[in-house]
């Protein structure tokens, strides 16, 4: 399974893989996932926070580009 919101996908911090599977251990909470490529463990929450942080970066970049574009329009 992939964890994504819009066009932003979460990735494994260890190997960069984007495919995860639920951890099927009896003592593990259902929200834990394992990277399909390298086996690193993570949680859905951690992956969603990664997406949230990336979304903030995209928004900040968009705001900066917009400010620069408005500044250039005013100079004309």
PDB file of N, CA and C in Angstrom:
ATOM      1  N   UNK A   1       0.832  -1.161   0.000  1.00  0.00           N
ATOM      2  CA  UNK A   1       0.000   0.000   0.000  1.00  0.00           C
ATOM      3  C   UNK A   1       0.881   1.229   0.000  1.00  0.00           C
ATOM      4  N   UNK A   2       0.378   2.272  -0.594  1.00  0.00           N
ATOM      5  CA  UNK A   2       1.070   3.561  -0.594  1.00  0.00           C
ATOM      6  C   UNK A   2       0.257   4.535   0.253  1.00  0.00           C
ATOM      7  N   UNK A   3       0.979   5.374   0.973  1.00  0.00           N
ATOM      8  CA  UNK A   3       0.331   6.404   1.771  1.00  0.00           C
ATOM      9  C   UNK A   3       0.587   7.719   1.050  1.00  0.00           C
ATOM     10  N   UNK A   4      -0.491   8.304   0.501  1.00  0.00           N
ATOM     11  CA  UNK A   4      -0.320   9.539  -0.244  1.00  0.00           C
ATOM     12  C   UNK A   4      -1.537  10.434  -0.085  1.00  0.00           C
ATOM     13  N   UNK A   5      -1.285  11.714  -0.252  1.00  0.00           N
ATOM     14  CA  UNK A   5      -2.333  12.722  -0.253  1.00  0.00           C
ATOM     15  C   UNK A   5      -2.087  13.560  -1.503  1.00  0.00           C
ATOM     16  N   UNK A   6      -3.053  13.557  -2.398  1.00  0.00           N
ATOM     17  CA  UNK A   6      -2.861  14.244  -3.666  1.00  0.00           C
ATOM     18  C   UNK A   6      -1.697  13.625  -4.415  1.00  0.00           C
ATOM     19  N   UNK A   7      -0.749  14.447  -4.823  1.00  0.00           N
ATOM     20  CA  UNK A   7       0.405  13.942  -5.565  1.00  0.00           C
ATOM     21  C   UNK A   7       1.627  13.719  -4.671  1.00  0.00           C
ATOM     22  N   UNK A   8       1.470  13.880  -3.352  1.00  0.00           N
ATOM     23  CA  UNK A   8       2.591  13.698  -2.433  1.00  0.00           C
ATOM     24  C   UNK A   8       2.485  12.331  -1.770  1.00  0.00           C
ATOM     25  N   UNK A   9       3.519  11.519  -1.954  1.00  0.00           N
ATOM     26  CA  UNK A   9       3.569  10.185  -1.358  1.00  0.00           C
ATOM     27  C   UNK A   9       4.611  10.128  -0.258  1.00  0.00           C
ATOM     28  N   UNK A  10       4.293   9.378   0.786  1.00  0.00           N
ATOM     29  CA  UNK A  10       5.264   9.155   1.858  1.00  0.00           C
ATOM     30  C   UNK A  10       6.303   8.153   1.370  1.00  0.00           C
ATOM     31  N   UNK A  11       7.484   8.227   1.973  1.00  0.00           N
ATOM     32  CA  UNK A  11       8.543   7.297   1.591  1.00  0.00           C
ATOM     33  C   UNK A  11       9.259   6.788   2.840  1.00  0.00           C
ATOM     34  N   UNK A  12       9.904   5.668   2.695  1.00  0.00           N
ATOM     35  CA  UNK A  12      10.670   5.066   3.781  1.00  0.00           C
ATOM     36  C   UNK A  12      11.894   5.938   4.064  1.00  0.00           C
ATOM     37  N   UNK A  13      12.101   6.255   5.333  1.00  0.00           N
ATOM     38  CA  UNK A  13      13.278   7.054   5.714  1.00  0.00           C
ATOM     39  C   UNK A  13      14.571   6.286   5.488  1.00  0.00           C
ATOM     40  N   UNK A  14      14.473   4.977   5.470  1.00  0.00           N
ATOM     41  CA  UNK A  14      15.663   4.141   5.335  1.00  0.00           C
ATOM     42  C   UNK A  14      16.112   3.967   3.884  1.00  0.00           C
ATOM     43  N   UNK A  15      15.162   3.630   3.008  1.00  0.00           N
ATOM     44  CA  UNK A  15      15.552   3.300   1.630  1.00  0.00           C
ATOM     45  C   UNK A  15      14.863   4.144   0.562  1.00  0.00           C
ATOM     46  N   UNK A  16      13.868   4.946   0.956  1.00  0.00           N
ATOM     47  CA  UNK A  16      13.158   5.774  -0.016  1.00  0.00           C
ATOM     48  C   UNK A  16      11.993   5.073  -0.691  1.00  0.00           C
ATOM     49  N   UNK A  17      11.762   3.808  -0.359  1.00  0.00           N
ATOM     50  CA  UNK A  17      10.646   3.072  -0.954  1.00  0.00           C
ATOM     51  C   UNK A  17       9.310   3.703  -0.598  1.00  0.00           C
ATOM     52  N   UNK A  18       8.320   3.484  -1.444  1.00  0.00           N
ATOM     53  CA  UNK A  18       7.002   4.081  -1.224  1.00  0.00           C
ATOM     54  C   UNK A  18       5.915   3.056  -0.944  1.00  0.00           C
ATOM     55  N   UNK A  19       6.263   1.789  -0.920  1.00  0.00           N
ATOM     56  CA  UNK A  19       5.280   0.737  -0.688  1.00  0.00           C
ATOM     57  C   UNK A  19       5.450   0.164   0.711  1.00  0.00           C
ATOM     58  N   UNK A  20       4.329   0.047   1.431  1.00  0.00           N
ATOM     59  CA  UNK A  20       4.326  -0.450   2.796  1.00  0.00           C
ATOM     60  C   UNK A  20       3.283  -1.536   2.944  1.00  0.00           C
ATOM     61  N   UNK A  21       3.461  -2.355   3.957  1.00  0.00           N
ATOM     62  CA  UNK A  21       2.468  -3.368   4.273  1.00  0.00           C
ATOM     63  C   UNK A  21       2.255  -3.384   5.774  1.00  0.00           C
ATOM     64  N   UNK A  22       1.040  -3.750   6.217  1.00  0.00           N
ATOM     65  CA  UNK A  22       0.777  -3.807   7.652  1.00  0.00           C
ATOM     66  C   UNK A  22       1.693  -4.826   8.331  1.00  0.00           C
ATOM     67  N   UNK A  23       2.099  -4.513   9.532  1.00  0.00           N
ATOM     68  CA  UNK A  23       2.920  -5.424  10.314  1.00  0.00           C
ATOM     69  C   UNK A  23       1.992  -6.475  10.908  1.00  0.00           C
ATOM     70  N   UNK A  24       2.235  -7.736  10.607  1.00  0.00           N
ATOM     71  CA  UNK A  24       1.345  -8.810  11.066  1.00  0.00           C
ATOM     72  C   UNK A  24       1.913  -9.514  12.284  1.00  0.00           C
ATOM     73  N   UNK A  25       2.252  -8.751  13.310  1.00  0.00           N
ATOM     74  CA  UNK A  25       2.711  -9.337  14.561  1.00  0.00           C
ATOM     75  C   UNK A  25       1.605  -9.160  15.592  1.00  0.00           C
ATOM     76  N   UNK A  26       1.393 -10.153  16.425  1.00  0.00           N
ATOM     77  CA  UNK A  26       0.292 -10.095  17.378  1.00  0.00           C
ATOM     78  C   UNK A  26       0.454  -8.981  18.396  1.00  0.00           C
ATOM     79  N   UNK A  27       1.689  -8.651  18.771  1.00  0.00           N
ATOM     80  CA  UNK A  27       1.909  -7.619  19.779  1.00  0.00           C
ATOM     81  C   UNK A  27       1.971  -6.212  19.185  1.00  0.00           C
ATOM     82  N   UNK A  28       1.880  -6.130  17.873  1.00  0.00           N
ATOM     83  CA  UNK A  28       2.006  -4.836  17.197  1.00  0.00           C
ATOM     84  C   UNK A  28       0.643  -4.197  16.981  1.00  0.00           C
ATOM     85  N   UNK A  29       0.545  -2.892  17.235  1.00  0.00           N
ATOM     86  CA  UNK A  29      -0.713  -2.198  16.919  1.00  0.00           C
ATOM     87  C   UNK A  29      -0.980  -2.228  15.408  1.00  0.00           C
ATOM     88  N   UNK A  30      -2.237  -2.155  15.048  1.00  0.00           N
ATOM     89  CA  UNK A  30      -2.623  -2.248  13.627  1.00  0.00           C
ATOM     90  C   UNK A  30      -2.088  -1.097  12.794  1.00  0.00           C
ATOM     91  N   UNK A  31      -1.713   0.006  13.418  1.00  0.00           N
ATOM     92  CA  UNK A  31      -1.266   1.161  12.648  1.00  0.00           C
ATOM     93  C   UNK A  31       0.214   1.086  12.281  1.00  0.00           C
ATOM     94  N   UNK A  32       0.913   0.052  12.687  1.00  0.00           N
ATOM     95  CA  UNK A  32       2.319  -0.081  12.301  1.00  0.00           C
ATOM     96  C   UNK A  32       2.424  -0.688  10.907  1.00  0.00           C
ATOM     97  N   UNK A  33       3.402  -0.164  10.156  1.00  0.00           N
ATOM     98  CA  UNK A  33       3.635  -0.629   8.795  1.00  0.00           C
ATOM     99  C   UNK A  33       5.093  -1.002   8.636  1.00  0.00           C
ATOM    100  N   UNK A  34       5.356  -1.811   7.621  1.00  0.00           N
ATOM    101  CA  UNK A  34       6.717  -2.234   7.296  1.00  0.00           C
ATOM    102  C   UNK A  34       6.984  -1.864   5.845  1.00  0.00           C
ATOM    103  N   UNK A  35       8.159  -1.288   5.588  1.00  0.00           N
ATOM    104  CA  UNK A  35       8.540  -0.973   4.222  1.00  0.00           C
ATOM    105  C   UNK A  35       8.646  -2.272   3.430  1.00  0.00           C
ATOM    106  N   UNK A  36       8.003  -2.307   2.297  1.00  0.00           N
ATOM    107  CA  UNK A  36       8.001  -3.505   1.458  1.00  0.00           C
ATOM    108  C   UNK A  36       9.399  -3.803   0.914  1.00  0.00           C
ATOM    109  N   UNK A  37      10.213  -2.776   0.711  1.00  0.00           N
ATOM    110  CA  UNK A  37      11.539  -2.946   0.125  1.00  0.00           C
ATOM    111  C   UNK A  37      12.588  -3.395   1.138  1.00  0.00           C
ATOM    112  N   UNK A  38      12.677  -2.674   2.280  1.00  0.00           N
ATOM    113  CA  UNK A  38      13.776  -2.958   3.211  1.00  0.00           C
ATOM    114  C   UNK A  38      13.339  -3.529   4.554  1.00  0.00           C
ATOM    115  N   UNK A  39      12.041  -3.519   4.833  1.00  0.00           N
ATOM    116  CA  UNK A  39      11.550  -4.081   6.088  1.00  0.00           C
ATOM    117  C   UNK A  39      11.581  -3.126   7.275  1.00  0.00           C
ATOM    118  N   UNK A  40      11.947  -1.865   7.051  1.00  0.00           N
ATOM    119  CA  UNK A  40      11.977  -0.898   8.150  1.00  0.00           C
ATOM    120  C   UNK A  40      10.559  -0.664   8.666  1.00  0.00           C
ATOM    121  N   UNK A  41      10.425  -0.549   9.982  1.00  0.00           N
ATOM    122  CA  UNK A  41       9.118  -0.318  10.590  1.00  0.00           C
ATOM    123  C   UNK A  41       8.830   1.178  10.710  1.00  0.00           C
ATOM    124  N   UNK A  42       7.552   1.510  10.567  1.00  0.00           N
ATOM    125  CA  UNK A  42       7.093   2.877  10.744  1.00  0.00           C
ATOM    126  C   UNK A  42       5.632   2.824  11.148  1.00  0.00           C
ATOM    127  N   UNK A  43       5.007   3.974  11.270  1.00  0.00           N
ATOM    128  CA  UNK A  43       3.579   4.029  11.582  1.00  0.00           C
ATOM    129  C   UNK A  43       2.871   4.883  10.537  1.00  0.00           C
ATOM    130  N   UNK A  44       1.576   4.684  10.440  1.00  0.00           N
ATOM    131  CA  UNK A  44       0.794   5.516   9.517  1.00  0.00           C
ATOM    132  C   UNK A  44       0.914   6.978   9.918  1.00  0.00           C
ATOM    133  N   UNK A  45       0.920   7.230  11.223  1.00  0.00           N
ATOM    134  CA  UNK A  45       1.041   8.605  11.718  1.00  0.00           C
ATOM    135  C   UNK A  45       2.339   9.241  11.237  1.00  0.00           C
ATOM    136  N   UNK A  46       3.443   8.531  11.341  1.00  0.00           N
ATOM    137  CA  UNK A  46       4.738   9.075  10.907  1.00  0.00           C
ATOM    138  C   UNK A  46       4.718   9.386   9.411  1.00  0.00           C
ATOM    139  N   UNK A  47       4.105   8.521   8.633  1.00  0.00           N
ATOM    140  CA  UNK A  47       4.046   8.745   7.191  1.00  0.00           C
ATOM    141  C   UNK A  47       3.146   9.934   6.856  1.00  0.00           C
ATOM    142  N   UNK A  48       2.034  10.069   7.576  1.00  0.00           N
ATOM    143  CA  UNK A  48       1.151  11.208   7.347  1.00  0.00           C
ATOM    144  C   UNK A  48       1.816  12.516   7.777  1.00  0.00           C
ATOM    145  N   UNK A  49       2.601  12.487   8.848  1.00  0.00           N
ATOM    146  CA  UNK A  49       3.337  13.683   9.269  1.00  0.00           C
ATOM    147  C   UNK A  49       4.381  14.063   8.218  1.00  0.00           C
ATOM    148  N   UNK A  50       4.996  13.059   7.604  1.00  0.00           N
ATOM    149  CA  UNK A  50       5.960  13.313   6.532  1.00  0.00           C
ATOM    150  C   UNK A  50       5.265  14.037   5.373  1.00  0.00           C
ATOM    151  N   UNK A  51       4.070  13.587   5.018  1.00  0.00           N
ATOM    152  CA  UNK A  51       3.301  14.220   3.947  1.00  0.00           C
ATOM    153  C   UNK A  51       2.909  15.641   4.347  1.00  0.00           C
ATOM    154  N   UNK A  52       2.501  15.826   5.600  1.00  0.00           N
ATOM    155  CA  UNK A  52       2.129  17.158   6.076  1.00  0.00           C
ATOM    156  C   UNK A  52       3.319  18.114   5.981  1.00  0.00           C
ATOM    157  N   UNK A  53       4.483  17.668   6.386  1.00  0.00           N
ATOM    158  CA  UNK A  53       5.680  18.510   6.312  1.00  0.00           C
ATOM    159  C   UNK A  53       6.026  18.861   4.864  1.00  0.00           C
ATOM    160  N   UNK A  54       5.884  17.907   3.983  1.00  0.00           N
ATOM    161  CA  UNK A  54       6.161  18.155   2.562  1.00  0.00           C
ATOM    162  C   UNK A  54       5.141  19.142   1.985  1.00  0.00           C
ATOM    163  N   UNK A  55       3.900  19.025   2.423  1.00  0.00           N
ATOM    164  CA  UNK A  55       2.854  19.947   1.972  1.00  0.00           C
ATOM    165  C   UNK A  55       3.177  21.370   2.409  1.00  0.00           C
ATOM    166  N   UNK A  56       3.650  21.533   3.638  1.00  0.00           N
ATOM    167  CA  UNK A  56       4.038  22.853   4.133  1.00  0.00           C
ATOM    168  C   UNK A  56       5.180  23.419   3.287  1.00  0.00           C
ATOM    169  N   UNK A  57       6.164  22.595   2.951  1.00  0.00           N
ATOM    170  CA  UNK A  57       7.278  23.054   2.112  1.00  0.00           C
ATOM    171  C   UNK A  57       6.775  23.534   0.758  1.00  0.00           C
ATOM    172  N   UNK A  58       5.865  22.768   0.158  1.00  0.00           N
ATOM    173  CA  UNK A  58       5.302  23.158  -1.141  1.00  0.00           C
ATOM    174  C   UNK A  58       4.556  24.484  -1.020  1.00  0.00           C
ATOM    175  N   UNK A  59       3.789  24.655   0.055  1.00  0.00           N
ATOM    176  CA  UNK A  59       3.028  25.886   0.251  1.00  0.00           C
ATOM    177  C   UNK A  59       3.968  27.073   0.435  1.00  0.00           C
ATOM    178  N   UNK A  60       5.026  26.897   1.210  1.00  0.00           N
ATOM    179  CA  UNK A  60       5.983  27.981   1.419  1.00  0.00           C
ATOM    180  C   UNK A  60       6.664  28.380   0.112  1.00  0.00           C
ATOM    181  N   UNK A  61       7.008  27.404  -0.700  1.00  0.00           N
ATOM    182  CA  UNK A  61       7.617  27.678  -1.998  1.00  0.00           C
ATOM    183  C   UNK A  61       6.642  28.447  -2.888  1.00  0.00           C
ATOM    184  N   UNK A  62       5.395  28.020  -2.903  1.00  0.00           N
ATOM    185  CA  UNK A  62       4.375  28.693  -3.704  1.00  0.00           C
ATOM    186  C   UNK A  62       4.202  30.138  -3.251  1.00  0.00           C
ATOM    187  N   UNK A  63       4.182  30.367  -1.946  1.00  0.00           N
ATOM    188  CA  UNK A  63       4.020  31.726  -1.414  1.00  0.00           C
ATOM    189  C   UNK A  63       5.194  32.606  -1.834  1.00  0.00           C
ATOM    190  N   UNK A  64       6.402  32.086  -1.735  1.00  0.00           N
ATOM    191  CA  UNK A  64       7.581  32.867  -2.127  1.00  0.00           C
ATOM    192  C   UNK A  64       7.547  33.209  -3.614  1.00  0.00           C
ATOM    193  N   UNK A  65       7.190  32.257  -4.437  1.00  0.00           N
ATOM    194  CA  UNK A  65       7.099  32.496  -5.883  1.00  0.00           C
ATOM    195  C   UNK A  65       6.025  33.553  -6.167  1.00  0.00           C
ATOM    196  N   UNK A  66       4.902  33.440  -5.468  1.00  0.00           N
ATOM    197  CA  UNK A  66       3.812  34.413  -5.658  1.00  0.00           C
ATOM    198  C   UNK A  66       4.238  35.815  -5.249  1.00  0.00           C
ATOM    199  N   UNK A  67       4.953  35.921  -4.128  1.00  0.00           N
ATOM    200  CA  UNK A  67       5.424  37.235  -3.669  1.00  0.00           C
ATOM    201  C   UNK A  67       6.384  37.854  -4.680  1.00  0.00           C
ATOM    202  N   UNK A  68       7.288  37.043  -5.217  1.00  0.00           N
ATOM    203  CA  UNK A  68       8.235  37.544  -6.213  1.00  0.00           C
ATOM    204  C   UNK A  68       7.511  37.988  -7.477  1.00  0.00           C
ATOM    205  N   UNK A  69       6.525  37.206  -7.900  1.00  0.00           N
ATOM    206  CA  UNK A  69       5.779  37.540  -9.107  1.00  0.00           C
ATOM    207  C   UNK A  69       4.996  38.849  -8.906  1.00  0.00           C
ATOM    208  N   UNK A  70       4.407  39.035  -7.735  1.00  0.00           N
ATOM    209  CA  UNK A  70       3.680  40.284  -7.455  1.00  0.00           C
ATOM    210  C   UNK A  70       4.632  41.469  -7.416  1.00  0.00           C
ATOM    211  N   UNK A  71       5.813  41.267  -6.866  1.00  0.00           N
ATOM    212  CA  UNK A  71       6.808  42.334  -6.814  1.00  0.00           C
ATOM    213  C   UNK A  71       7.249  42.748  -8.197  1.00  0.00           C
ATOM    214  N   UNK A  72       7.390  41.801  -9.103  1.00  0.00           N
ATOM    215  CA  UNK A  72       7.787  42.122 -10.478  1.00  0.00           C
ATOM    216  C   UNK A  72       6.684  42.835 -11.217  1.00  0.00           C
ATOM    217  N   UNK A  73       5.424  42.496 -10.936  1.00  0.00           N
ATOM    218  CA  UNK A  73       4.298  43.164 -11.593  1.00  0.00           C
ATOM    219  C   UNK A  73       4.207  44.624 -11.144  1.00  0.00           C
ATOM    220  N   UNK A  74       4.512  44.886  -9.877  1.00  0.00           N
ATOM    221  CA  UNK A  74       4.438  46.261  -9.349  1.00  0.00           C
ATOM    222  C   UNK A  74       5.524  47.147  -9.948  1.00  0.00           C
ATOM    223  N   UNK A  75       6.663  46.583 -10.287  1.00  0.00           N
ATOM    224  CA  UNK A  75       7.779  47.349 -10.829  1.00  0.00           C
ATOM    225  C   UNK A  75       7.507  47.811 -12.260  1.00  0.00           C
ATOM    226  N   UNK A  76       6.613  47.173 -12.941  1.00  0.00           N
ATOM    227  CA  UNK A  76       6.353  47.509 -14.358  1.00  0.00           C
ATOM    228  C   UNK A  76       5.582  48.759 -14.496  1.00  0.00           C
TER     229      UNK A  76
END
